[in-house]
Structure formats: structure tokens, C-alpha cells
C-alpha atoms as a PDB file:
ATOM      1  CA  MET A   1     -17.974  14.962   3.884  1.00  0.00           C
ATOM      2  CA  ASN A   2     -17.082  11.394   4.140  1.00  0.00           C
ATOM      3  CA  ILE A   3     -17.186   8.808   0.964  1.00  0.00           C
ATOM      4  CA  LYS A   4     -17.573   5.341   1.721  1.00  0.00           C
ATOM      5  CA  LYS A   5     -15.382   2.926  -0.176  1.00  0.00           C
ATOM      6  CA  ARG A   6     -16.394   1.658  -3.455  1.00  0.00           C
ATOM      7  CA  ILE A   7     -15.431  -1.673  -5.119  1.00  0.00           C
ATOM      8  CA  PHE A   8     -14.271  -0.772  -8.656  1.00  0.00           C
ATOM      9  CA  PRO A   9     -14.829  -3.088 -11.834  1.00  0.00           C
ATOM     10  CA  ILE A  10     -11.362  -3.716 -14.005  1.00  0.00           C
ATOM     11  CA  LEU A  11     -10.824  -0.570 -15.510  1.00  0.00           C
ATOM     12  CA  PHE A  12     -10.001  -0.819 -19.207  1.00  0.00           C
ATOM     13  CA  ALA A  13      -7.325   1.644 -19.726  1.00  0.00           C
ATOM     14  CA  ALA A  14      -3.769   2.837 -18.851  1.00  0.00           C
ATOM     15  CA  VAL A  15      -3.336   6.111 -16.951  1.00  0.00           C
ATOM     16  CA  MET A  16      -1.542   9.578 -17.357  1.00  0.00           C
ATOM     17  CA  LEU A  17       1.565  10.829 -15.724  1.00  0.00           C
ATOM     18  CA  SER A  18       1.096  13.936 -13.262  1.00  0.00           C
ATOM     19  CA  GLY A  19       3.567  14.731 -10.528  1.00  0.00           C
ATOM     20  CA  CYS A  20       4.539  17.122  -7.267  1.00  0.00           C
ATOM     21  CA  ALA A  21       8.034  15.413  -7.267  1.00  0.00           C
ATOM     22  CA  GLY A  22      10.191  13.200  -9.373  1.00  0.00           C
ATOM     23  CA  SER A  23       9.004  12.057 -12.997  1.00  0.00           C
ATOM     24  CA  ASP A  24       8.545   8.982 -15.108  1.00  0.00           C
ATOM     25  CA  ASN A  25       9.354   8.325 -18.637  1.00  0.00           C
ATOM     26  CA  ALA A  26       6.560   6.783 -20.565  1.00  0.00           C
ATOM     27  CA  ASP A  27       9.178   4.802 -22.937  1.00  0.00           C
ATOM     28  CA  GLY A  28      11.632   3.546 -20.296  1.00  0.00           C
ATOM     29  CA  GLU A  29      11.947   3.498 -16.555  1.00  0.00           C
ATOM     30  CA  SER A  30      10.765   5.652 -13.639  1.00  0.00           C
ATOM     31  CA  THR A  31      13.259   8.188 -12.116  1.00  0.00           C
ATOM     32  CA  SER A  32      11.440   7.176  -8.837  1.00  0.00           C
ATOM     33  CA  ALA A  33      11.501   3.314  -8.640  1.00  0.00           C
ATOM     34  CA  ALA A  34      15.092   2.146  -9.973  1.00  0.00           C
ATOM     35  CA  ASP A  35      15.726  -0.737 -11.975  1.00  0.00           C
ATOM     36  CA  LYS A  36      16.244  -3.785  -9.545  1.00  0.00           C
ATOM     37  CA  PRO A  37      15.548  -7.631  -9.390  1.00  0.00           C
ATOM     38  CA  ALA A  38      12.608  -8.602  -7.758  1.00  0.00           C
ATOM     39  CA  GLU A  39      12.679 -11.521  -4.885  1.00  0.00           C
ATOM     40  CA  THR A  40      10.430 -14.212  -6.097  1.00  0.00           C
ATOM     41  CA  VAL A  41       9.842 -17.946  -4.656  1.00  0.00           C
ATOM     42  CA  SER A  42      10.078 -21.061  -6.831  1.00  0.00           C
ATOM     43  CA  ALA A  43       8.025 -21.630  -9.170  1.00  0.00           C
ATOM     44  CA  ALA A  44       6.865 -24.899  -7.608  1.00  0.00           C
ATOM     45  CA  GLU A  45       5.862 -23.285  -4.579  1.00  0.00           C
ATOM     46  CA  THR A  46       3.550 -20.566  -6.215  1.00  0.00           C
ATOM     47  CA  THR A  47      -0.063 -22.087  -7.086  1.00  0.00           C
ATOM     48  CA  PRO A  48      -2.486 -22.697  -4.537  1.00  0.00           C
ATOM     49  CA  GLU A  49      -4.693 -25.763  -4.818  1.00  0.00           C
ATOM     50  CA  ASP A  50      -7.082 -25.653  -7.478  1.00  0.00           C
ATOM     51  CA  SER A  51     -10.527 -25.728  -6.915  1.00  0.00           C
ATOM     52  CA  SER A  52     -13.465 -26.395  -9.553  1.00  0.00           C
ATOM     53  CA  SER A  53     -15.602 -24.282  -7.189  1.00  0.00           C
ATOM     54  CA  GLU A  54     -16.378 -20.750  -7.779  1.00  0.00           C
ATOM     55  CA  PRO A  55     -14.080 -18.383  -5.770  1.00  0.00           C
ATOM     56  CA  GLU A  56     -15.404 -16.735  -2.579  1.00  0.00           C
ATOM     57  CA  VAL A  57     -16.367 -13.138  -2.846  1.00  0.00           C
ATOM     58  CA  LEU A  58     -15.160 -11.519  -0.019  1.00  0.00           C
ATOM     59  CA  VAL A  59     -16.473  -8.057   1.204  1.00  0.00           C
ATOM     60  CA  PRO A  60     -13.779  -5.891   2.799  1.00  0.00           C
ATOM     61  CA  LYS A  61     -14.043  -3.702   5.899  1.00  0.00           C
ATOM     62  CA  GLU A  62     -15.855  -0.402   4.711  1.00  0.00           C
ATOM     63  CA  HIS A  63     -13.349   2.315   4.725  1.00  0.00           C
ATOM     64  CA  THR A  64     -14.488   6.093   5.116  1.00  0.00           C
ATOM     65  CA  TYR A  65     -12.004   8.875   4.199  1.00  0.00           C
ATOM     66  CA  ASP A  66     -12.586  12.783   3.869  1.00  0.00           C
ATOM     67  CA  PRO A  67     -11.765  13.866  -0.065  1.00  0.00           C
ATOM     68  CA  GLU A  68     -11.604  17.359   0.973  1.00  0.00           C
ATOM     69  CA  LYS A  69      -8.365  16.535   3.232  1.00  0.00           C
ATOM     70  CA  PRO A  70      -5.159  15.816   1.264  1.00  0.00           C
ATOM     71  CA  LEU A  71      -4.837  12.182   0.299  1.00  0.00           C
ATOM     72  CA  ILE A  72      -2.133   9.779  -0.109  1.00  0.00           C
ATOM     73  CA  ALA A  73      -2.032   6.109  -1.519  1.00  0.00           C
ATOM     74  CA  LEU A  74       0.691   3.749   0.132  1.00  0.00           C
ATOM     75  CA  THR A  75       1.755   0.882  -2.370  1.00  0.00           C
ATOM     76  CA  PHE A  76       3.652  -2.092  -1.706  1.00  0.00           C
ATOM     77  CA  ASP A  77       5.437  -3.989  -4.332  1.00  0.00           C
ATOM     78  CA  ASP A  78       6.830  -7.549  -4.880  1.00  0.00           C
ATOM     79  CA  GLY A  79       4.919  -9.574  -2.344  1.00  0.00           C
ATOM     80  CA  PRO A  80       2.958 -11.658  -1.224  1.00  0.00           C
ATOM     81  CA  ASN A  81       5.093 -13.107   1.620  1.00  0.00           C
ATOM     82  CA  THR A  82       4.694 -14.382   5.233  1.00  0.00           C
ATOM     83  CA  THR A  83       7.503 -12.369   6.818  1.00  0.00           C
ATOM     84  CA  CYS A  84       7.372  -8.859   5.784  1.00  0.00           C
ATOM     85  CA  THR A  85       4.057  -8.326   4.412  1.00  0.00           C
ATOM     86  CA  PRO A  86       2.011  -9.008   7.547  1.00  0.00           C
ATOM     87  CA  GLN A  87       4.228  -6.776   9.543  1.00  0.00           C
ATOM     88  CA  VAL A  88       3.157  -3.925   6.900  1.00  0.00           C
ATOM     89  CA  LEU A  89      -0.409  -5.078   7.324  1.00  0.00           C
ATOM     90  CA  ASP A  90       0.044  -4.599  11.019  1.00  0.00           C
ATOM     91  CA  LEU A  91       1.163  -1.286  10.907  1.00  0.00           C
ATOM     92  CA  LEU A  92      -1.657  -0.108   8.560  1.00  0.00           C
ATOM     93  CA  GLU A  93      -3.991  -1.861  10.914  1.00  0.00           C
ATOM     94  CA  LYS A  94      -2.511  -0.086  13.906  1.00  0.00           C
ATOM     95  CA  ASN A  95      -2.897   3.277  12.156  1.00  0.00           C
ATOM     96  CA  ASP A  96      -6.309   2.917  10.772  1.00  0.00           C
ATOM     97  CA  ALA A  97      -4.592   3.293   7.392  1.00  0.00           C
ATOM     98  CA  VAL A  98      -4.898   1.086   4.241  1.00  0.00           C
ATOM     99  CA  GLY A  99      -2.704   0.651   1.042  1.00  0.00           C
ATOM    100  CA  THR A 100      -2.335  -0.748  -2.001  1.00  0.00           C
ATOM    101  CA  PHE A 101      -0.615  -4.416  -2.788  1.00  0.00           C
ATOM    102  CA  PHE A 102       1.003  -4.933  -6.056  1.00  0.00           C
ATOM    103  CA  LEU A 103       1.334  -8.739  -6.184  1.00  0.00           C
ATOM    104  CA  ILE A 104       3.723 -10.875  -8.284  1.00  0.00           C
ATOM    105  CA  GLY A 105       1.938 -13.796  -9.356  1.00  0.00           C
ATOM    106  CA  GLN A 106       4.657 -16.397  -8.712  1.00  0.00           C
ATOM    107  CA  ASN A 107       4.973 -15.251  -5.293  1.00  0.00           C
ATOM    108  CA  ILE A 108       1.263 -16.303  -4.594  1.00  0.00           C
ATOM    109  CA  ASN A 109       1.022 -19.473  -2.918  1.00  0.00           C
ATOM    110  CA  ASP A 110      -0.893 -21.305  -0.560  1.00  0.00           C
ATOM    111  CA  ASP A 111       1.410 -20.135   2.345  1.00  0.00           C
ATOM    112  CA  ASN A 112       0.663 -16.393   2.028  1.00  0.00           C
ATOM    113  CA  ALA A 113      -2.820 -16.912   0.492  1.00  0.00           C
ATOM    114  CA  GLU A 114      -4.361 -15.650   3.734  1.00  0.00           C
ATOM    115  CA  VAL A 115      -1.762 -12.891   4.022  1.00  0.00           C
ATOM    116  CA  VAL A 116      -3.682 -11.561   0.772  1.00  0.00           C
ATOM    117  CA  LYS A 117      -6.946 -12.257   2.053  1.00  0.00           C
ATOM    118  CA  ARG A 118      -6.283 -10.466   5.317  1.00  0.00           C
ATOM    119  CA  ALA A 119      -5.022  -7.689   3.138  1.00  0.00           C
ATOM    120  CA  TYR A 120      -8.323  -7.140   1.410  1.00  0.00           C
ATOM    121  CA  LEU A 121     -10.653  -7.847   4.554  1.00  0.00           C
ATOM    122  CA  MET A 122      -8.635  -4.859   6.046  1.00  0.00           C
ATOM    123  CA  GLY A 123     -10.031  -2.553   3.060  1.00  0.00           C
ATOM    124  CA  CYS A 124      -6.590  -2.506   1.526  1.00  0.00           C
ATOM    125  CA  GLU A 125      -6.444  -2.975  -2.426  1.00  0.00           C
ATOM    126  CA  ILE A 126      -4.608  -6.059  -4.426  1.00  0.00           C
ATOM    127  CA  ALA A 127      -3.437  -5.178  -7.720  1.00  0.00           C
ATOM    128  CA  ASP A 128      -1.279  -6.669 -10.378  1.00  0.00           C
ATOM    129  CA  HIS A 129       2.624  -6.422 -10.864  1.00  0.00           C
ATOM    130  CA  SER A 130       3.206  -9.303 -13.212  1.00  0.00           C
ATOM    131  CA  TYR A 131       3.681 -13.006 -12.969  1.00  0.00           C
ATOM    132  CA  THR A 132       7.472 -13.114 -13.341  1.00  0.00           C
ATOM    133  CA  HIS A 133       8.717  -9.396 -12.782  1.00  0.00           C
ATOM    134  CA  GLU A 134      10.399  -9.660 -16.298  1.00  0.00           C
ATOM    135  CA  TYR A 135      10.441  -6.508 -18.601  1.00  0.00           C
ATOM    136  CA  PHE A 136       7.506  -6.420 -20.468  1.00  0.00           C
ATOM    137  CA  THR A 137       9.063  -3.826 -23.204  1.00  0.00           C
ATOM    138  CA  LYS A 138      11.057  -7.390 -24.361  1.00  0.00           C
ATOM    139  CA  MET A 139       8.084  -9.261 -24.487  1.00  0.00           C
ATOM    140  CA  THR A 140       5.561 -10.303 -27.280  1.00  0.00           C
ATOM    141  CA  PRO A 141       1.682  -9.122 -26.929  1.00  0.00           C
ATOM    142  CA  ASP A 142       0.919 -12.854 -26.091  1.00  0.00           C
ATOM    143  CA  GLN A 143       3.347 -12.943 -23.574  1.00  0.00           C
ATOM    144  CA  MET A 144       2.341  -9.913 -21.991  1.00  0.00           C
ATOM    145  CA  LYS A 145      -1.371 -11.177 -21.837  1.00  0.00           C
ATOM    146  CA  GLU A 146      -0.134 -14.492 -20.413  1.00  0.00           C
ATOM    147  CA  GLU A 147       1.530 -12.572 -17.390  1.00  0.00           C
ATOM    148  CA  ILE A 148      -1.555 -10.669 -16.370  1.00  0.00           C
ATOM    149  CA  SER A 149      -3.977 -13.472 -16.836  1.00  0.00           C
ATOM    150  CA  LYS A 150      -2.045 -16.143 -14.823  1.00  0.00           C
ATOM    151  CA  THR A 151      -1.723 -13.487 -12.082  1.00  0.00           C
ATOM    152  CA  GLU A 152      -5.369 -12.197 -12.304  1.00  0.00           C
ATOM    153  CA  GLU A 153      -6.649 -15.915 -11.791  1.00  0.00           C
ATOM    154  CA  LEU A 154      -4.246 -16.274  -8.670  1.00  0.00           C
ATOM    155  CA  ILE A 155      -5.712 -13.262  -7.228  1.00  0.00           C
ATOM    156  CA  THR A 156      -9.444 -13.942  -8.092  1.00  0.00           C
ATOM    157  CA  GLY A 157      -8.985 -17.126  -6.748  1.00  0.00           C
ATOM    158  CA  ILE A 158      -8.297 -15.625  -3.239  1.00  0.00           C
ATOM    159  CA  ILE A 159     -10.323 -12.502  -3.036  1.00  0.00           C
ATOM    160  CA  GLY A 160     -13.443 -13.321  -5.524  1.00  0.00           C
ATOM    161  CA  LYS A 161     -12.392 -10.397  -8.196  1.00  0.00           C
ATOM    162  CA  GLY A 162      -9.493  -9.272 -10.250  1.00  0.00           C
ATOM    163  CA  SER A 163      -7.224  -6.120 -10.142  1.00  0.00           C
ATOM    164  CA  THR A 164      -8.161  -2.605 -11.176  1.00  0.00           C
ATOM    165  CA  PHE A 165      -4.509  -1.484 -11.655  1.00  0.00           C
ATOM    166  CA  PHE A 166      -0.911  -2.612 -13.047  1.00  0.00           C
ATOM    167  CA  ARG A 167       2.417  -1.551 -11.849  1.00  0.00           C
ATOM    168  CA  PRO A 168       4.953  -2.520 -14.758  1.00  0.00           C
ATOM    169  CA  PRO A 169       8.222  -3.875 -13.667  1.00  0.00           C
ATOM    170  CA  TYR A 170      10.934  -1.367 -13.235  1.00  0.00           C
ATOM    171  CA  ILE A 171       8.419   0.882 -14.524  1.00  0.00           C
ATOM    172  CA  ALA A 172       9.268   0.210 -18.088  1.00  0.00           C
ATOM    173  CA  VAL A 173       6.836   1.008 -20.582  1.00  0.00           C
ATOM    174  CA  ASN A 174       6.251   1.095 -24.353  1.00  0.00           C
ATOM    175  CA  MET A 175       3.415   1.457 -26.573  1.00  0.00           C
ATOM    176  CA  ASP A 176       2.814  -2.228 -26.976  1.00  0.00           C
ATOM    177  CA  MET A 177       2.247  -2.348 -23.229  1.00  0.00           C
ATOM    178  CA  TYR A 178      -0.750   0.023 -23.587  1.00  0.00           C
ATOM    179  CA  GLU A 179      -2.265  -1.604 -26.329  1.00  0.00           C
ATOM    180  CA  ASN A 180      -2.512  -4.854 -24.979  1.00  0.00           C
ATOM    181  CA  ILE A 181      -2.875  -4.688 -21.167  1.00  0.00           C
ATOM    182  CA  ASP A 182      -6.426  -3.797 -20.133  1.00  0.00           C
ATOM    183  CA  LEU A 183      -5.431  -2.443 -16.759  1.00  0.00           C
ATOM    184  CA  CYS A 184      -4.694   1.097 -15.616  1.00  0.00           C
ATOM    185  CA  PHE A 185      -0.770   1.613 -15.442  1.00  0.00           C
ATOM    186  CA  ILE A 186       0.834   2.901 -12.217  1.00  0.00           C
ATOM    187  CA  SER A 187       3.865   4.427 -11.215  1.00  0.00           C
ATOM    188  CA  GLY A 188       4.697   6.248  -8.200  1.00  0.00           C
ATOM    189  CA  TYR A 189       7.074   7.936  -5.986  1.00  0.00           C
ATOM    190  CA  GLY A 190       9.984   5.784  -4.698  1.00  0.00           C
ATOM    191  CA  CYS A 191      13.005   5.594  -2.255  1.00  0.00           C
ATOM    192  CA  ASN A 192      14.634   2.815  -3.689  1.00  0.00           C
ATOM    193  CA  ASP A 193      13.856   0.715  -0.653  1.00  0.00           C
ATOM    194  CA  TRP A 194      14.415  -2.371  -2.454  1.00  0.00           C
ATOM    195  CA  ASP A 195      17.935  -1.798  -1.977  1.00  0.00           C
ATOM    196  CA  SER A 196      19.738  -3.046   1.515  1.00  0.00           C
ATOM    197  CA  ALA A 197      21.997   0.168   1.224  1.00  0.00           C
ATOM    198  CA  VAL A 198      19.349   2.590   1.503  1.00  0.00           C
ATOM    199  CA  THR A 199      19.368   3.223   5.436  1.00  0.00           C
ATOM    200  CA  VAL A 200      15.928   3.444   7.569  1.00  0.00           C
ATOM    201  CA  GLN A 201      16.460   7.462   7.668  1.00  0.00           C
ATOM    202  CA  GLU A 202      16.600   7.670   4.037  1.00  0.00           C
ATOM    203  CA  ARG A 203      13.740   5.938   3.226  1.00  0.00           C
ATOM    204  CA  ILE A 204      12.007   8.114   5.718  1.00  0.00           C
ATOM    205  CA  ASP A 205      13.282  11.707   4.346  1.00  0.00           C
ATOM    206  CA  LYS A 206      12.612  10.645   0.768  1.00  0.00           C
ATOM    207  CA  THR A 207       9.298   9.489   1.486  1.00  0.00           C
ATOM    208  CA  LEU A 208       8.346  12.659   3.478  1.00  0.00           C
ATOM    209  CA  GLU A 209      10.058  14.884   0.914  1.00  0.00           C
ATOM    210  CA  GLN A 210       7.947  13.419  -1.801  1.00  0.00           C
ATOM    211  CA  ALA A 211       4.489  13.450  -0.251  1.00  0.00           C
ATOM    212  CA  CYS A 212       1.715  15.478  -1.576  1.00  0.00           C
ATOM    213  CA  ASP A 213      -1.968  15.709  -2.070  1.00  0.00           C
ATOM    214  CA  GLY A 214      -2.775  12.690  -4.608  1.00  0.00           C
ATOM    215  CA  ALA A 215       0.671  11.232  -4.120  1.00  0.00           C
ATOM    216  CA  ILE A 216       1.184   7.418  -4.913  1.00  0.00           C
ATOM    217  CA  ILE A 217       4.188   6.576  -2.598  1.00  0.00           C
ATOM    218  CA  LEU A 218       6.324   3.457  -4.144  1.00  0.00           C
ATOM    219  CA  LEU A 219       7.851   0.919  -1.296  1.00  0.00           C
ATOM    220  CA  HIS A 220       8.602  -2.928  -1.145  1.00  0.00           C
ATOM    221  CA  ASP A 221       6.943  -5.769   1.271  1.00  0.00           C
ATOM    222  CA  GLN A 222       9.618  -7.971  -0.433  1.00  0.00           C
ATOM    223  CA  PRO A 223      10.865 -10.693   2.074  1.00  0.00           C
ATOM    224  CA  GLN A 224      12.821  -9.713   5.064  1.00  0.00           C
ATOM    225  CA  ASN A 225      12.809  -5.781   3.805  1.00  0.00           C
ATOM    226  CA  PHE A 226      12.245  -4.970   7.279  1.00  0.00           C
ATOM    227  CA  ALA A 227      14.052  -1.512   7.068  1.00  0.00           C
ATOM    228  CA  THR A 228      11.141  -0.388   5.337  1.00  0.00           C
ATOM    229  CA  VAL A 229       8.542  -2.058   7.830  1.00  0.00           C
ATOM    230  CA  GLU A 230      10.845   0.048  10.424  1.00  0.00           C
ATOM    231  CA  ALA A 231      10.490   3.520   8.308  1.00  0.00           C
ATOM    232  CA  LEU A 232       6.846   2.827   8.381  1.00  0.00           C
ATOM    233  CA  GLU A 233       6.626   3.345  12.185  1.00  0.00           C
ATOM    234  CA  THR A 234       7.626   6.825  11.634  1.00  0.00           C
ATOM    235  CA  ILE A 235       6.232   7.670   7.945  1.00  0.00           C
ATOM    236  CA  ILE A 236       2.604   6.554   8.504  1.00  0.00           C
ATOM    237  CA  PRO A 237       2.035   8.913  11.857  1.00  0.00           C
ATOM    238  CA  SER A 238       4.308  11.733  10.467  1.00  0.00           C
ATOM    239  CA  LEU A 239       1.875  11.961   7.146  1.00  0.00           C
ATOM    240  CA  ALA A 240      -1.145  11.385   9.543  1.00  0.00           C
ATOM    241  CA  GLU A 241       0.281  14.508  11.880  1.00  0.00           C
ATOM    242  CA  GLN A 242       0.440  16.472   8.695  1.00  0.00           C
ATOM    243  CA  GLY A 243      -3.356  15.962   7.937  1.00  0.00           C
ATOM    244  CA  TYR A 244      -3.059  13.112   5.251  1.00  0.00           C
ATOM    245  CA  GLU A 245      -5.596  10.648   4.990  1.00  0.00           C
ATOM    246  CA  PHE A 246      -4.640   7.148   3.593  1.00  0.00           C
ATOM    247  CA  VAL A 247      -6.618   5.829   0.940  1.00  0.00           C
ATOM    248  CA  THR A 248      -6.200   2.794  -1.619  1.00  0.00           C
ATOM    249  CA  VAL A 249      -5.160   3.767  -5.367  1.00  0.00           C
ATOM    250  CA  SER A 250      -8.874   3.232  -6.715  1.00  0.00           C
ATOM    251  CA  GLU A 251     -10.089   5.783  -3.749  1.00  0.00           C
ATOM    252  CA  LEU A 252      -7.706   8.001  -4.749  1.00  0.00           C
ATOM    253  CA  PHE A 253      -9.218   8.249  -8.238  1.00  0.00           C
ATOM    254  CA  GLU A 254     -12.536   8.499  -7.187  1.00  0.00           C
ATOM    255  CA  ALA A 255     -11.774  11.102  -4.747  1.00  0.00           C
ATOM    256  CA  LYS A 256     -10.198  13.215  -7.395  1.00  0.00           C
ATOM    257  CA  GLY A 257     -13.026  12.624 -10.092  1.00  0.00           C
ATOM    258  CA  ILE A 258     -10.457  10.749 -12.399  1.00  0.00           C
ATOM    259  CA  ASP A 259     -12.180   7.575 -14.234  1.00  0.00           C
ATOM    260  CA  PRO A 260      -9.110   5.596 -15.895  1.00  0.00           C
ATOM    261  CA  ALA A 261     -11.425   4.550 -18.491  1.00  0.00           C
ATOM    262  CA  ASP A 262     -12.181   7.913 -19.898  1.00  0.00           C
ATOM    263  CA  GLU A 263      -9.845   7.935 -22.968  1.00  0.00           C
ATOM    264  CA  LEU A 264      -9.349  11.401 -22.751  1.00  0.00           C
ATOM    265  CA  TRP A 265      -7.697  11.161 -19.513  1.00  0.00           C
ATOM    266  CA  GLY A 266      -6.528   7.669 -19.036  1.00  0.00           C
ATOM    267  CA  ARG A 267      -5.177   6.135 -22.017  1.00  0.00           C
ATOM    268  CA  TYR A 268      -1.677   5.716 -22.853  1.00  0.00           C
ATOM    269  CA  ARG A 269      -0.383   7.198 -19.815  1.00  0.00           C
ATOM    270  CA  THR A 270       1.210   6.066 -15.993  1.00  0.00           C
ATOM    271  CA  PHE A 271       0.069   7.902 -13.048  1.00  0.00           C
ATOM    272  CA  SER A 272       2.472   8.919  -9.955  1.00  0.00           C
ATOM    273  CA  VAL A 273       0.080  11.391  -8.517  1.00  0.00           C
ATOM    274  CA  VAL A 274      -3.572  11.901  -9.161  1.00  0.00           C
ATOM    275  CA  GLU A 275      -4.519  15.449  -9.291  1.00  0.00           C
ATOM    276  CA  LYS A 276      -8.326  16.629  -9.041  1.00  0.00           C
ATOM    277  CA  ARG A 277      -9.906  17.084 -12.309  1.00  0.00           C
ATOM    278  CA  GLU A 278     -11.085  20.346 -12.872  1.00  0.00           C
ATOM    279  CA  GLU A 279     -14.589  20.556 -15.379  1.00  0.00           C
END
């Protein structure tokens, strides 16, 4: 049975933690995504030209998948850019795969807006990774909301819709964040690929080791992270050979019967893996 991709609205909830490998700390940092500074571009270069007209609503390529097969969501943090992000998209397209890109707002500019548009039109999902990639646990509620709103405005200006999901910088979360951010919180299983000291083979081995049905894989497409691009040349075909189908985070939730807006299932939690909901 195939399910056609549905475009989710913004879902007003945080999301739960569940796992097949690794764990997250709801009050601190993920054990699968190490504390690290994100690479950003200067603020003067970040904002695409303003337009008084309504943003064009793009129609992405239809993506089908078999929900009875093991599903996995590849996700990429710290873009967009014109160096690494296009190479990741090339590999996804070559392997008929999709991913979810968590963007840093201040990295979005006129030069890479077309890269974001390309990802979305391919059937990939665009999500929020804050505006500055600073610790939200040190922010006031108003500062948190400004970080989200500025990034959402930029994303909407490119693809015509806002995000469904939010990945907290450093996977550091607290109750104030859950109560003030109306997006679903996502973590993931990482391999510290932001660190240039981590070899290509280590990235491959760690990612394949953590793969399981419903897993969210956390990788980085920051500028010059070509080691991860090289690792993906092995990771994607290897997962496909194991029977995995690649889906966006929204598709993963849909396939597993999880509504992040559900108060019982979705509030005050952060997902690293999405397991099928048993009625």
C-alpha cells in the first residue's frame, strides 16, 4: 500500500522522546547531537529582498512510500548554503530519496534561496532550527518567539508555508521552551558529523548502527562539510539495501499514526524516533 505525501499544517505541540538507540535529556542536551557552534553567515547577507506581494506557494513533487516497510527520516541541520546543501540534494535525488532540512534563519539569503526552493520542490521538508543557533534555555520567552518568527518569515517567503517542526540548537530544552514555542520539537540520532575530526567511515558506521524503523537521523549540511556528503554516498544505498524507505519527518509521523498536536502523545516531549501508535 502506498501513501501519498500530504502537506501538514503547522502543528501546535512539542513531541515525545522514544528510542531504539541513544537518548535525549528533556532538560539538557542530546546524547546523540553534541554541543557545537553552528556555522553562520554574516547578518548583513542574510535577508532576501523584501516583497510586498504574497509569497508564491510552491507545489512539491509527489512522494510515495510503503508504510509497511521500515521507514527512516534523514535530517540535515545548519543550512542552507550553496556548497554542501546542493550536493546533499544531488545524492537524495540520485537515490530517489527525500530528507528534512532544519534551517538557521540568519543563514538564509538571496544566494541560497533557490537551494531551499529546490529542496522543497523535490519533496523534501523544510523545518526550523532557530535564527541565530544560540541556546534557547538562556532566552526569555519573547526572545524565543522572535527567533522562531524571524526564521518562519524567511521560510514562508521562499516556499509559501511555514514549518511544522523545530530542532532546538544543541538539543537543549526546558519547560519554558515547550510552553512558548508552537512547533513540534525534534531531536535525532547523530554521529557528531559537525566535527571535522570524525572520519567518513565513523560517520557511516555510527549512522548505520543507529538505524531502525522510525528513526530520525541527525546530520549536518553546513558549509564545507563534504565528509558527510561522502558518507551519504554509502549510507543512503546501504539503508536502501536493508529495505528502508526514506521519508520526511511529517511523513514519518503520518505513517506511524502519530499526531503531534495530540495533548496526550505530543506535548512536552522531543522525538528521536517515531514508533507506531497502538490503539
